[in-house]
Amino acid sequence: MSHCIARVLIVDDSEIIGERLKEFLNQCETVELIGQTYNIDEGRIKIEAEHPEIVILDIGIPGGSGIFLIPEIK
């Protein structure tokens, strides 16, 4: 039986929240954690380069609202 691996990126400026999310996601066998970016511009660059299946996105982040990044992710 093969497992589907979901590539996940965290876009959040909070180191505390990022660390907790990383701890949780690292326990999931079907998740490959790509990393964490700390502002909209870093997130945009990482998304374009890595093409994650899942983006955990903070809506209140340096560089603008994460909500404006959603259409670009789609």
Protein backbone atom coordinates (compact mmCIF):
# COMPACT_ATOMS: atom_id res chain seq x y z
CA MET A 1 0.00 0.00 0.00
CA SER A 2 1.54 3.31 -1.03
CA HIS A 3 1.17 6.47 1.01
CA CYS A 4 0.43 9.80 -0.60
CA ILE A 5 2.82 12.45 0.67
CA ALA A 6 1.48 15.99 0.96
CA ARG A 7 4.10 18.72 0.67
CA VAL A 8 3.30 21.43 3.26
CA LEU A 9 4.58 24.99 3.61
CA ILE A 10 3.99 27.22 6.64
CA VAL A 11 3.69 30.95 5.90
CA ASP A 12 3.55 32.53 9.36
CA ASP A 13 5.69 35.14 11.08
CA SER A 14 5.23 33.62 14.55
CA GLU A 15 8.15 31.40 15.50
CA ILE A 16 6.14 29.88 18.37
CA ILE A 17 3.21 28.90 16.15
CA GLY A 18 5.58 27.72 13.43
CA GLU A 19 7.47 25.47 15.85
CA ARG A 20 4.26 23.95 17.21
CA LEU A 21 2.97 23.31 13.70
CA LYS A 22 6.30 21.76 12.69
CA GLU A 23 6.27 19.44 15.72
CA PHE A 24 2.75 18.32 14.85
CA LEU A 25 3.37 17.92 11.11
CA ASN A 26 6.63 16.02 11.63
CA GLN A 27 4.61 13.31 13.40
CA CYS A 28 2.48 12.75 10.29
CA GLU A 29 3.86 10.04 8.02
CA THR A 30 2.04 11.43 4.98
CA VAL A 31 3.44 14.97 5.28
CA GLU A 32 6.67 16.38 3.92
CA LEU A 33 7.32 19.72 5.59
CA ILE A 34 8.93 22.04 3.05
CA GLY A 35 9.66 24.74 5.62
CA GLN A 36 8.43 28.04 7.01
CA THR A 37 8.55 31.53 5.57
CA TYR A 38 7.98 34.64 7.64
CA ASN A 39 6.43 37.19 5.24
CA ILE A 40 4.36 37.40 2.07
CA ASP A 41 7.30 37.87 -0.31
CA GLU A 42 9.23 34.87 1.08
CA GLY A 43 6.03 32.82 0.93
CA ARG A 44 5.38 33.77 -2.69
CA ILE A 45 8.93 32.81 -3.71
CA LYS A 46 8.83 29.47 -1.86
CA ILE A 47 5.39 28.61 -3.27
CA GLU A 48 6.57 29.29 -6.83
CA ALA A 49 9.75 27.25 -6.33
CA GLU A 50 8.38 24.30 -4.36
CA HIS A 51 4.71 23.95 -5.46
CA PRO A 52 3.36 22.70 -2.11
CA GLU A 53 0.02 20.89 -2.01
CA ILE A 54 -0.89 22.53 1.31
CA VAL A 55 -0.07 26.04 2.55
CA ILE A 56 -0.77 26.93 6.17
CA LEU A 57 -1.19 30.68 5.80
CA ASP A 58 -1.32 33.42 8.42
CA ILE A 59 -3.66 36.21 7.33
CA GLY A 60 -1.90 38.88 9.43
CA ILE A 61 1.70 38.70 8.23
CA PRO A 62 4.39 41.24 7.29
CA GLY A 63 4.10 42.39 3.70
CA GLY A 64 0.30 42.34 3.61
CA SER A 65 -2.61 40.10 4.35
CA GLY A 66 -2.19 36.42 3.58
CA ILE A 67 -5.68 36.55 2.08
CA PHE A 68 -4.24 38.33 -0.96
CA LEU A 69 -1.84 35.44 -1.52
CA ILE A 70 -4.67 32.89 -1.86
CA PRO A 71 -5.52 33.68 -5.53
CA GLU A 72 -1.84 33.32 -6.41
CA ILE A 73 -1.68 29.95 -4.68
CA LYS A 74 -4.63 28.63 -6.64
